[in-house]
Amino acid sequence: MPQFVIERNMPGVGKLSQNDLKAASQGSCTVIRNLGPEIQWVHSYVTDDKVYCVYRAPSEDLIRKHAETAGFPANSIARVRATIDPTTAE
């Protein structure tokens, strides 16, 4: 299944409380359940003003549908072509 990185511009998101982040996560999961098993949320990184999410889905269109339905921005969506880490250098 293709993997994507989604960049979400969300000013001030890094100041949200754990309860706010939990509520946002629950909303995202509800939308994913309704869209079906073809889309999976792997994890997200929350910074001061952006959220970077990693998803698995068959297409960018399904990622956009999730964002629109959940009410989250999807300012950029990039398909992951390879994954590297320190072991790649070995």
PDB file of N, CA and C in Angstrom:
ATOM      1  N   MET A   1       0.855  -1.173   0.000  1.00  0.00           N
ATOM      2  CA  MET A   1       0.000   0.000   0.000  1.00  0.00           C
ATOM      3  C   MET A   1       0.898   1.233   0.000  1.00  0.00           C
ATOM      4  N   PRO A   2       0.649   2.186  -0.881  1.00  0.00           N
ATOM      5  CA  PRO A   2       1.442   3.415  -0.900  1.00  0.00           C
ATOM      6  C   PRO A   2       1.358   4.156   0.435  1.00  0.00           C
ATOM      7  N   GLN A   3       2.438   4.816   0.760  1.00  0.00           N
ATOM      8  CA  GLN A   3       2.503   5.610   1.984  1.00  0.00           C
ATOM      9  C   GLN A   3       2.676   7.081   1.597  1.00  0.00           C
ATOM     10  N   PHE A   4       2.067   7.972   2.353  1.00  0.00           N
ATOM     11  CA  PHE A   4       2.096   9.399   2.069  1.00  0.00           C
ATOM     12  C   PHE A   4       2.460  10.186   3.321  1.00  0.00           C
ATOM     13  N   VAL A   5       3.107  11.341   3.107  1.00  0.00           N
ATOM     14  CA  VAL A   5       3.348  12.310   4.170  1.00  0.00           C
ATOM     15  C   VAL A   5       2.470  13.520   3.863  1.00  0.00           C
ATOM     16  N   ILE A   6       1.673  13.913   4.849  1.00  0.00           N
ATOM     17  CA  ILE A   6       0.770  15.049   4.691  1.00  0.00           C
ATOM     18  C   ILE A   6       1.271  16.173   5.589  1.00  0.00           C
ATOM     19  N   GLU A   7       1.396  17.358   5.017  1.00  0.00           N
ATOM     20  CA  GLU A   7       1.763  18.541   5.786  1.00  0.00           C
ATOM     21  C   GLU A   7       0.501  19.365   6.011  1.00  0.00           C
ATOM     22  N   ARG A   8       0.216  19.624   7.276  1.00  0.00           N
ATOM     23  CA  ARG A   8      -0.968  20.391   7.640  1.00  0.00           C
ATOM     24  C   ARG A   8      -0.532  21.693   8.327  1.00  0.00           C
ATOM     25  N   ASN A   9      -0.785  22.842   7.701  1.00  0.00           N
ATOM     26  CA  ASN A   9      -0.490  24.130   8.325  1.00  0.00           C
ATOM     27  C   ASN A   9      -1.593  24.430   9.325  1.00  0.00           C
ATOM     28  N   MET A  10      -1.234  24.442  10.597  1.00  0.00           N
ATOM     29  CA  MET A  10      -2.200  24.660  11.669  1.00  0.00           C
ATOM     30  C   MET A  10      -1.563  25.563  12.730  1.00  0.00           C
ATOM     31  N   PRO A  11      -1.569  26.876  12.503  1.00  0.00           N
ATOM     32  CA  PRO A  11      -0.919  27.802  13.437  1.00  0.00           C
ATOM     33  C   PRO A  11      -1.337  27.566  14.888  1.00  0.00           C
ATOM     34  N   GLY A  12      -0.340  27.461  15.765  1.00  0.00           N
ATOM     35  CA  GLY A  12      -0.587  27.274  17.187  1.00  0.00           C
ATOM     36  C   GLY A  12      -0.873  25.860  17.624  1.00  0.00           C
ATOM     37  N   VAL A  13      -0.846  24.900  16.720  1.00  0.00           N
ATOM     38  CA  VAL A  13      -1.208  23.520  17.057  1.00  0.00           C
ATOM     39  C   VAL A  13      -0.310  22.940  18.156  1.00  0.00           C
ATOM     40  N   GLY A  14       0.935  23.385  18.216  1.00  0.00           N
ATOM     41  CA  GLY A  14       1.848  22.874  19.233  1.00  0.00           C
ATOM     42  C   GLY A  14       1.460  23.271  20.650  1.00  0.00           C
ATOM     43  N   LYS A  15       0.552  24.221  20.791  1.00  0.00           N
ATOM     44  CA  LYS A  15       0.103  24.669  22.111  1.00  0.00           C
ATOM     45  C   LYS A  15      -1.174  23.967  22.562  1.00  0.00           C
ATOM     46  N   LEU A  16      -1.719  23.089  21.736  1.00  0.00           N
ATOM     47  CA  LEU A  16      -2.941  22.389  22.117  1.00  0.00           C
ATOM     48  C   LEU A  16      -2.679  21.460  23.291  1.00  0.00           C
ATOM     49  N   SER A  17      -3.690  21.279  24.101  1.00  0.00           N
ATOM     50  CA  SER A  17      -3.575  20.373  25.254  1.00  0.00           C
ATOM     51  C   SER A  17      -3.664  18.921  24.793  1.00  0.00           C
ATOM     52  N   GLN A  18      -3.310  18.026  25.672  1.00  0.00           N
ATOM     53  CA  GLN A  18      -3.435  16.592  25.366  1.00  0.00           C
ATOM     54  C   GLN A  18      -4.889  16.241  25.071  1.00  0.00           C
ATOM     55  N   ASN A  19      -5.823  16.866  25.783  1.00  0.00           N
ATOM     56  CA  ASN A  19      -7.247  16.594  25.535  1.00  0.00           C
ATOM     57  C   ASN A  19      -7.669  17.075  24.156  1.00  0.00           C
ATOM     58  N   ASP A  20      -7.154  18.238  23.724  1.00  0.00           N
ATOM     59  CA  ASP A  20      -7.455  18.741  22.381  1.00  0.00           C
ATOM     60  C   ASP A  20      -6.898  17.802  21.310  1.00  0.00           C
ATOM     61  N   LEU A  21      -5.666  17.343  21.520  1.00  0.00           N
ATOM     62  CA  LEU A  21      -5.054  16.411  20.561  1.00  0.00           C
ATOM     63  C   LEU A  21      -5.802  15.082  20.539  1.00  0.00           C
ATOM     64  N   LYS A  22      -6.251  14.649  21.702  1.00  0.00           N
ATOM     65  CA  LYS A  22      -7.026  13.407  21.772  1.00  0.00           C
ATOM     66  C   LYS A  22      -8.327  13.548  20.985  1.00  0.00           C
ATOM     67  N   ALA A  23      -9.012  14.677  21.158  1.00  0.00           N
ATOM     68  CA  ALA A  23     -10.265  14.901  20.443  1.00  0.00           C
ATOM     69  C   ALA A  23     -10.043  14.936  18.929  1.00  0.00           C
ATOM     70  N   ALA A  24      -8.974  15.601  18.498  1.00  0.00           N
ATOM     71  CA  ALA A  24      -8.661  15.641  17.068  1.00  0.00           C
ATOM     72  C   ALA A  24      -8.360  14.237  16.549  1.00  0.00           C
ATOM     73  N   SER A  25      -7.618  13.463  17.328  1.00  0.00           N
ATOM     74  CA  SER A  25      -7.292  12.083  16.935  1.00  0.00           C
ATOM     75  C   SER A  25      -8.549  11.231  16.832  1.00  0.00           C
ATOM     76  N   GLN A  26      -9.451  11.393  17.786  1.00  0.00           N
ATOM     77  CA  GLN A  26     -10.694  10.632  17.758  1.00  0.00           C
ATOM     78  C   GLN A  26     -11.528  10.979  16.526  1.00  0.00           C
ATOM     79  N   GLY A  27     -11.568  12.271  16.184  1.00  0.00           N
ATOM     80  CA  GLY A  27     -12.302  12.682  14.980  1.00  0.00           C
ATOM     81  C   GLY A  27     -11.702  12.078  13.730  1.00  0.00           C
ATOM     82  N   SER A  28     -10.373  12.083  13.655  1.00  0.00           N
ATOM     83  CA  SER A  28      -9.694  11.495  12.501  1.00  0.00           C
ATOM     84  C   SER A  28      -9.996  10.002  12.398  1.00  0.00           C
ATOM     85  N   CYS A  29      -9.935   9.319  13.528  1.00  0.00           N
ATOM     86  CA  CYS A  29     -10.190   7.868  13.526  1.00  0.00           C
ATOM     87  C   CYS A  29     -11.621   7.543  13.120  1.00  0.00           C
ATOM     88  N   THR A  30     -12.565   8.374  13.534  1.00  0.00           N
ATOM     89  CA  THR A  30     -13.957   8.157  13.142  1.00  0.00           C
ATOM     90  C   THR A  30     -14.116   8.257  11.634  1.00  0.00           C
ATOM     91  N   VAL A  31     -13.501   9.277  11.037  1.00  0.00           N
ATOM     92  CA  VAL A  31     -13.570   9.437   9.582  1.00  0.00           C
ATOM     93  C   VAL A  31     -12.921   8.248   8.889  1.00  0.00           C
ATOM     94  N   ILE A  32     -11.770   7.806   9.395  1.00  0.00           N
ATOM     95  CA  ILE A  32     -11.079   6.661   8.799  1.00  0.00           C
ATOM     96  C   ILE A  32     -11.966   5.422   8.845  1.00  0.00           C
ATOM     97  N   ARG A  33     -12.605   5.175   9.972  1.00  0.00           N
ATOM     98  CA  ARG A  33     -13.512   4.014  10.072  1.00  0.00           C
ATOM     99  C   ARG A  33     -14.627   4.098   9.034  1.00  0.00           C
ATOM    100  N   ASN A  34     -15.150   5.302   8.824  1.00  0.00           N
ATOM    101  CA  ASN A  34     -16.232   5.469   7.855  1.00  0.00           C
ATOM    102  C   ASN A  34     -15.754   5.338   6.409  1.00  0.00           C
ATOM    103  N   LEU A  35     -14.494   5.683   6.145  1.00  0.00           N
ATOM    104  CA  LEU A  35     -13.951   5.565   4.785  1.00  0.00           C
ATOM    105  C   LEU A  35     -13.592   4.124   4.435  1.00  0.00           C
ATOM    106  N   GLY A  36     -13.370   3.299   5.437  1.00  0.00           N
ATOM    107  CA  GLY A  36     -13.078   1.893   5.181  1.00  0.00           C
ATOM    108  C   GLY A  36     -11.628   1.529   5.403  1.00  0.00           C
ATOM    109  N   PRO A  37     -11.309   0.262   5.242  1.00  0.00           N
ATOM    110  CA  PRO A  37      -9.985  -0.257   5.610  1.00  0.00           C
ATOM    111  C   PRO A  37      -8.851   0.106   4.648  1.00  0.00           C
ATOM    112  N   GLU A  38      -9.155   0.769   3.555  1.00  0.00           N
ATOM    113  CA  GLU A  38      -8.090   1.092   2.605  1.00  0.00           C
ATOM    114  C   GLU A  38      -7.193   2.225   3.072  1.00  0.00           C
ATOM    115  N   ILE A  39      -7.617   2.994   4.069  1.00  0.00           N
ATOM    116  CA  ILE A  39      -6.814   4.112   4.553  1.00  0.00           C
ATOM    117  C   ILE A  39      -6.406   3.846   6.000  1.00  0.00           C
ATOM    118  N   GLN A  40      -5.122   4.072   6.280  1.00  0.00           N
ATOM    119  CA  GLN A  40      -4.582   3.859   7.622  1.00  0.00           C
ATOM    120  C   GLN A  40      -3.764   5.071   8.036  1.00  0.00           C
ATOM    121  N   TRP A  41      -3.972   5.521   9.243  1.00  0.00           N
ATOM    122  CA  TRP A  41      -3.162   6.573   9.837  1.00  0.00           C
ATOM    123  C   TRP A  41      -2.038   5.886  10.595  1.00  0.00           C
ATOM    124  N   VAL A  42      -0.798   6.156  10.245  1.00  0.00           N
ATOM    125  CA  VAL A  42       0.350   5.513  10.893  1.00  0.00           C
ATOM    126  C   VAL A  42       0.742   6.296  12.142  1.00  0.00           C
ATOM    127  N   HIS A  43       1.052   7.568  11.984  1.00  0.00           N
ATOM    128  CA  HIS A  43       1.369   8.455  13.103  1.00  0.00           C
ATOM    129  C   HIS A  43       1.522   9.882  12.586  1.00  0.00           C
ATOM    130  N   SER A  44       1.645  10.815  13.538  1.00  0.00           N
ATOM    131  CA  SER A  44       1.809  12.222  13.178  1.00  0.00           C
ATOM    132  C   SER A  44       2.845  12.864  14.092  1.00  0.00           C
ATOM    133  N   TYR A  45       3.477  13.910  13.556  1.00  0.00           N
ATOM    134  CA  TYR A  45       4.420  14.720  14.316  1.00  0.00           C
ATOM    135  C   TYR A  45       3.806  16.109  14.453  1.00  0.00           C
ATOM    136  N   VAL A  46       3.647  16.574  15.683  1.00  0.00           N
ATOM    137  CA  VAL A  46       3.085  17.893  15.942  1.00  0.00           C
ATOM    138  C   VAL A  46       4.235  18.846  16.258  1.00  0.00           C
ATOM    139  N   THR A  47       4.335  19.935  15.496  1.00  0.00           N
ATOM    140  CA  THR A  47       5.331  20.973  15.750  1.00  0.00           C
ATOM    141  C   THR A  47       4.577  22.233  16.187  1.00  0.00           C
ATOM    142  N   ASP A  48       5.256  23.341  16.273  1.00  0.00           N
ATOM    143  CA  ASP A  48       4.599  24.564  16.736  1.00  0.00           C
ATOM    144  C   ASP A  48       3.391  24.945  15.885  1.00  0.00           C
ATOM    145  N   ASP A  49       3.564  24.938  14.570  1.00  0.00           N
ATOM    146  CA  ASP A  49       2.521  25.432  13.672  1.00  0.00           C
ATOM    147  C   ASP A  49       2.127  24.472  12.558  1.00  0.00           C
ATOM    148  N   LYS A  50       2.609  23.246  12.623  1.00  0.00           N
ATOM    149  CA  LYS A  50       2.287  22.267  11.580  1.00  0.00           C
ATOM    150  C   LYS A  50       2.149  20.879  12.189  1.00  0.00           C
ATOM    151  N   VAL A  51       1.424  20.049  11.472  1.00  0.00           N
ATOM    152  CA  VAL A  51       1.342  18.631  11.798  1.00  0.00           C
ATOM    153  C   VAL A  51       1.761  17.874  10.548  1.00  0.00           C
ATOM    154  N   TYR A  52       2.673  16.933  10.718  1.00  0.00           N
ATOM    155  CA  TYR A  52       3.130  16.077   9.616  1.00  0.00           C
ATOM    156  C   TYR A  52       2.600  14.681   9.899  1.00  0.00           C
ATOM    157  N   CYS A  53       1.761  14.193   9.008  1.00  0.00           N
ATOM    158  CA  CYS A  53       1.105  12.897   9.201  1.00  0.00           C
ATOM    159  C   CYS A  53       1.611  11.884   8.183  1.00  0.00           C
ATOM    160  N   VAL A  54       1.714  10.653   8.623  1.00  0.00           N
ATOM    161  CA  VAL A  54       2.066   9.543   7.742  1.00  0.00           C
ATOM    162  C   VAL A  54       0.829   8.652   7.632  1.00  0.00           C
ATOM    163  N   TYR A  55       0.404   8.438   6.394  1.00  0.00           N
ATOM    164  CA  TYR A  55      -0.779   7.617   6.108  1.00  0.00           C
ATOM    165  C   TYR A  55      -0.442   6.575   5.054  1.00  0.00           C
ATOM    166  N   ARG A  56      -1.196   5.498   5.074  1.00  0.00           N
ATOM    167  CA  ARG A  56      -1.170   4.511   3.996  1.00  0.00           C
ATOM    168  C   ARG A  56      -2.542   4.559   3.330  1.00  0.00           C
ATOM    169  N   ALA A  57      -2.523   4.642   2.020  1.00  0.00           N
ATOM    170  CA  ALA A  57      -3.778   4.695   1.259  1.00  0.00           C
ATOM    171  C   ALA A  57      -3.475   4.361  -0.190  1.00  0.00           C
ATOM    172  N   PRO A  58      -4.484   3.915  -0.941  1.00  0.00           N
ATOM    173  CA  PRO A  58      -4.250   3.583  -2.341  1.00  0.00           C
ATOM    174  C   PRO A  58      -4.054   4.804  -3.234  1.00  0.00           C
ATOM    175  N   SER A  59      -4.493   5.983  -2.756  1.00  0.00           N
ATOM    176  CA  SER A  59      -4.386   7.162  -3.614  1.00  0.00           C
ATOM    177  C   SER A  59      -4.360   8.449  -2.798  1.00  0.00           C
ATOM    178  N   GLU A  60      -3.830   9.490  -3.422  1.00  0.00           N
ATOM    179  CA  GLU A  60      -3.853  10.823  -2.829  1.00  0.00           C
ATOM    180  C   GLU A  60      -5.289  11.317  -2.680  1.00  0.00           C
ATOM    181  N   ASP A  61      -6.154  10.926  -3.600  1.00  0.00           N
ATOM    182  CA  ASP A  61      -7.556  11.349  -3.538  1.00  0.00           C
ATOM    183  C   ASP A  61      -8.227  10.913  -2.237  1.00  0.00           C
ATOM    184  N   LEU A  62      -7.936   9.705  -1.782  1.00  0.00           N
ATOM    185  CA  LEU A  62      -8.528   9.224  -0.538  1.00  0.00           C
ATOM    186  C   LEU A  62      -7.976   9.998   0.664  1.00  0.00           C
ATOM    187  N   ILE A  63      -6.703  10.372   0.604  1.00  0.00           N
ATOM    188  CA  ILE A  63      -6.107  11.200   1.656  1.00  0.00           C
ATOM    189  C   ILE A  63      -6.838  12.554   1.698  1.00  0.00           C
ATOM    190  N   ARG A  64      -7.067  13.149   0.533  1.00  0.00           N
ATOM    191  CA  ARG A  64      -7.774  14.442   0.474  1.00  0.00           C
ATOM    192  C   ARG A  64      -9.212  14.318   0.989  1.00  0.00           C
ATOM    193  N   LYS A  65      -9.868  13.229   0.651  1.00  0.00           N
ATOM    194  CA  LYS A  65     -11.237  13.013   1.122  1.00  0.00           C
ATOM    195  C   LYS A  65     -11.259  12.938   2.649  1.00  0.00           C
ATOM    196  N   HIS A  66     -10.284  12.247   3.223  1.00  0.00           N
ATOM    197  CA  HIS A  66     -10.189  12.174   4.681  1.00  0.00           C
ATOM    198  C   HIS A  66     -10.028  13.566   5.276  1.00  0.00           C
ATOM    199  N   ALA A  67      -9.112  14.358   4.725  1.00  0.00           N
ATOM    200  CA  ALA A  67      -8.848  15.695   5.248  1.00  0.00           C
ATOM    201  C   ALA A  67     -10.106  16.568   5.174  1.00  0.00           C
ATOM    202  N   GLU A  68     -10.772  16.549   4.038  1.00  0.00           N
ATOM    203  CA  GLU A  68     -11.976  17.359   3.869  1.00  0.00           C
ATOM    204  C   GLU A  68     -13.075  16.937   4.835  1.00  0.00           C
ATOM    205  N   THR A  69     -13.272  15.627   4.973  1.00  0.00           N
ATOM    206  CA  THR A  69     -14.330  15.120   5.844  1.00  0.00           C
ATOM    207  C   THR A  69     -14.024  15.407   7.312  1.00  0.00           C
ATOM    208  N   ALA A  70     -12.758  15.266   7.701  1.00  0.00           N
ATOM    209  CA  ALA A  70     -12.358  15.487   9.091  1.00  0.00           C
ATOM    210  C   ALA A  70     -12.207  16.968   9.427  1.00  0.00           C
ATOM    211  N   GLY A  71     -12.137  17.811   8.404  1.00  0.00           N
ATOM    212  CA  GLY A  71     -11.986  19.237   8.638  1.00  0.00           C
ATOM    213  C   GLY A  71     -10.556  19.668   8.914  1.00  0.00           C
ATOM    214  N   PHE A  72      -9.593  18.882   8.444  1.00  0.00           N
ATOM    215  CA  PHE A  72      -8.185  19.212   8.607  1.00  0.00           C
ATOM    216  C   PHE A  72      -7.624  19.721   7.280  1.00  0.00           C
ATOM    217  N   PRO A  73      -6.681  20.663   7.330  1.00  0.00           N
ATOM    218  CA  PRO A  73      -6.022  21.062   6.084  1.00  0.00           C
ATOM    219  C   PRO A  73      -5.091  19.952   5.597  1.00  0.00           C
ATOM    220  N   ALA A  74      -4.883  19.909   4.314  1.00  0.00           N
ATOM    221  CA  ALA A  74      -3.875  19.021   3.716  1.00  0.00           C
ATOM    222  C   ALA A  74      -3.122  19.889   2.721  1.00  0.00           C
ATOM    223  N   ASN A  75      -2.204  20.713   3.251  1.00  0.00           N
ATOM    224  CA  ASN A  75      -1.522  21.706   2.426  1.00  0.00           C
ATOM    225  C   ASN A  75      -0.579  21.077   1.420  1.00  0.00           C
ATOM    226  N   SER A  76      -0.010  19.947   1.768  1.00  0.00           N
ATOM    227  CA  SER A  76       0.778  19.212   0.782  1.00  0.00           C
ATOM    228  C   SER A  76       0.692  17.732   1.104  1.00  0.00           C
ATOM    229  N   ILE A  77       0.649  16.942   0.049  1.00  0.00           N
ATOM    230  CA  ILE A  77       0.610  15.481   0.168  1.00  0.00           C
ATOM    231  C   ILE A  77       1.692  14.946  -0.752  1.00  0.00           C
ATOM    232  N   ALA A  78       2.609  14.185  -0.181  1.00  0.00           N
ATOM    233  CA  ALA A  78       3.714  13.635  -0.971  1.00  0.00           C
ATOM    234  C   ALA A  78       3.779  12.128  -0.769  1.00  0.00           C
ATOM    235  N   ARG A  79       3.860  11.409  -1.876  1.00  0.00           N
ATOM    236  CA  ARG A  79       4.003   9.957  -1.790  1.00  0.00           C
ATOM    237  C   ARG A  79       5.437   9.614  -1.394  1.00  0.00           C
ATOM    238  N   VAL A  80       5.563   8.701  -0.447  1.00  0.00           N
ATOM    239  CA  VAL A  80       6.883   8.254   0.005  1.00  0.00           C
ATOM    240  C   VAL A  80       7.415   7.269  -1.023  1.00  0.00           C
ATOM    241  N   ARG A  81       8.606   7.525  -1.520  1.00  0.00           N
ATOM    242  CA  ARG A  81       9.230   6.653  -2.519  1.00  0.00           C
ATOM    243  C   ARG A  81      10.245   5.698  -1.912  1.00  0.00           C
ATOM    244  N   ALA A  82      10.803   6.085  -0.754  1.00  0.00           N
ATOM    245  CA  ALA A  82      11.772   5.224  -0.069  1.00  0.00           C
ATOM    246  C   ALA A  82      11.864   5.672   1.376  1.00  0.00           C
ATOM    247  N   THR A  83      12.298   4.782   2.216  1.00  0.00           N
ATOM    248  CA  THR A  83      12.545   5.094   3.613  1.00  0.00           C
ATOM    249  C   THR A  83      14.000   4.782   3.904  1.00  0.00           C
ATOM    250  N   ILE A  84      14.686   5.735   4.535  1.00  0.00           N
ATOM    251  CA  ILE A  84      16.080   5.502   4.911  1.00  0.00           C
ATOM    252  C   ILE A  84      16.244   5.839   6.388  1.00  0.00           C
ATOM    253  N   ASP A  85      17.263   5.253   6.982  1.00  0.00           N
ATOM    254  CA  ASP A  85      17.624   5.522   8.363  1.00  0.00           C
ATOM    255  C   ASP A  85      19.115   5.207   8.513  1.00  0.00           C
ATOM    256  N   PRO A  86      19.672   5.307   9.703  1.00  0.00           N
ATOM    257  CA  PRO A  86      21.111   5.069   9.838  1.00  0.00           C
ATOM    258  C   PRO A  86      21.572   3.698   9.329  1.00  0.00           C
ATOM    259  N   THR A  87      20.686   2.699   9.364  1.00  0.00           N
ATOM    260  CA  THR A  87      21.117   1.387   8.862  1.00  0.00           C
ATOM    261  C   THR A  87      21.279   1.366   7.354  1.00  0.00           C
ATOM    262  N   THR A  88      20.711   2.337   6.658  1.00  0.00           N
ATOM    263  CA  THR A  88      20.884   2.422   5.210  1.00  0.00           C
ATOM    264  C   THR A  88      22.347   2.656   4.852  1.00  0.00           C
ATOM    265  N   ALA A  89      23.093   3.288   5.733  1.00  0.00           N
ATOM    266  CA  ALA A  89      24.502   3.592   5.490  1.00  0.00           C
ATOM    267  C   ALA A  89      25.402   2.374   5.664  1.00  0.00           C
ATOM    268  N   GLU A  90      24.886   1.334   6.228  1.00  0.00           N
ATOM    269  CA  GLU A  90      25.717   0.143   6.483  1.00  0.00           C
ATOM    270  C   GLU A  90      25.881  -0.726   5.253  1.00  0.00           C
TER     271      GLU A  90
END
